[in-house]
Amino acid sequence: MSIEELYERYVKPLPARDRLRLVSITTEDLSRETAEHEDSRTRSLLDYEGIAKDNPVGVDAQEYVTSLRSEWDHRP
């Protein structure tokens, strides 16, 4: 059953007050899920400290990445 069919069959016939309550419950549930998901992905800027410390200033980023990749090809 599609969401549209579900809505037409079960939600649309409900009184406006009940549909609003359903929206409220759904919104609260989604907000909670989103907050939990974002909390698990939240990082501090300090987590990235030193991540590119070997990247020399003034070198083109693509050239730097290309040189790193060529090093990988020559590793045992």
Protein backbone atom coordinates (compact mmCIF):
# COMPACT_ATOMS: atom_id res chain seq x y z
CA MET A 1 0.00 0.00 0.00
CA SER A 2 1.42 3.40 -0.94
CA ILE A 3 1.60 6.35 1.42
CA GLU A 4 -1.06 8.10 -0.64
CA GLU A 5 -3.42 5.13 -0.33
CA LEU A 6 -2.73 4.92 3.38
CA TYR A 7 -3.58 8.59 3.75
CA GLU A 8 -6.76 8.38 1.69
CA ARG A 9 -8.01 5.26 3.47
CA TYR A 10 -7.08 5.92 7.11
CA VAL A 11 -6.00 9.49 7.72
CA LYS A 12 -8.22 11.67 5.53
CA PRO A 13 -11.48 10.38 7.06
CA LEU A 14 -10.32 11.40 10.56
CA PRO A 15 -11.61 14.64 12.06
CA ALA A 16 -9.28 17.64 11.64
CA ARG A 17 -8.38 17.57 15.36
CA ASP A 18 -7.18 13.95 15.11
CA ARG A 19 -5.22 14.63 11.92
CA LEU A 20 -3.49 17.57 13.62
CA ARG A 21 -2.62 15.33 16.56
CA LEU A 22 -1.23 12.75 14.14
CA VAL A 23 0.94 15.46 12.53
CA SER A 24 2.13 16.53 15.97
CA ILE A 25 3.05 12.99 16.99
CA THR A 26 4.84 12.39 13.69
CA THR A 27 6.73 15.70 13.95
CA GLU A 28 7.87 14.94 17.50
CA ASP A 29 9.00 11.48 16.48
CA LEU A 30 10.96 12.78 13.48
CA SER A 31 12.52 15.56 15.54
CA ARG A 32 13.71 13.04 18.11
CA GLU A 33 15.15 10.76 15.41
CA THR A 34 16.87 13.66 13.67
CA ALA A 35 18.35 14.95 16.91
CA GLU A 36 19.67 11.50 17.83
CA HIS A 37 21.18 11.07 14.38
CA GLU A 38 22.82 14.51 14.42
CA ASP A 39 24.20 13.96 17.93
CA SER A 40 25.96 10.81 16.76
CA ARG A 41 27.55 12.68 13.83
CA THR A 42 28.47 15.91 15.59
CA ARG A 43 32.19 16.59 15.58
CA SER A 44 34.29 19.31 17.05
CA LEU A 45 36.52 21.38 14.83
CA LEU A 46 39.36 20.20 17.04
CA ASP A 47 38.77 16.63 15.81
CA TYR A 48 40.35 17.73 12.53
CA GLU A 49 43.43 19.32 14.08
CA GLY A 50 46.58 18.29 12.23
CA ILE A 51 44.74 16.36 9.53
CA ALA A 52 46.65 18.11 6.72
CA LYS A 53 49.76 19.14 8.61
CA ASP A 54 52.05 17.81 5.87
CA ASN A 55 50.33 19.78 3.09
CA PRO A 56 52.80 22.50 2.14
CA VAL A 57 51.37 25.98 1.84
CA GLY A 58 51.11 27.19 -1.74
CA VAL A 59 50.89 23.75 -3.37
CA ASP A 60 47.83 23.15 -5.52
CA ALA A 61 45.46 20.74 -3.78
CA GLN A 62 45.06 18.52 -6.84
CA GLU A 63 48.83 18.31 -7.32
CA TYR A 64 49.19 17.34 -3.66
CA VAL A 65 46.59 14.58 -3.94
CA THR A 66 48.16 13.31 -7.15
CA SER A 67 51.57 13.09 -5.48
CA LEU A 68 50.07 11.16 -2.54
CA ARG A 69 48.42 8.71 -4.92
CA SER A 70 51.64 8.16 -6.82
CA GLU A 71 53.34 7.34 -3.51
CA TRP A 72 50.71 4.66 -2.87
CA ASP A 73 51.51 3.03 -6.21
CA HIS A 74 55.18 2.66 -5.21
CA ARG A 75 54.59 1.22 -1.74
CA PRO A 76 55.22 -2.49 -1.17
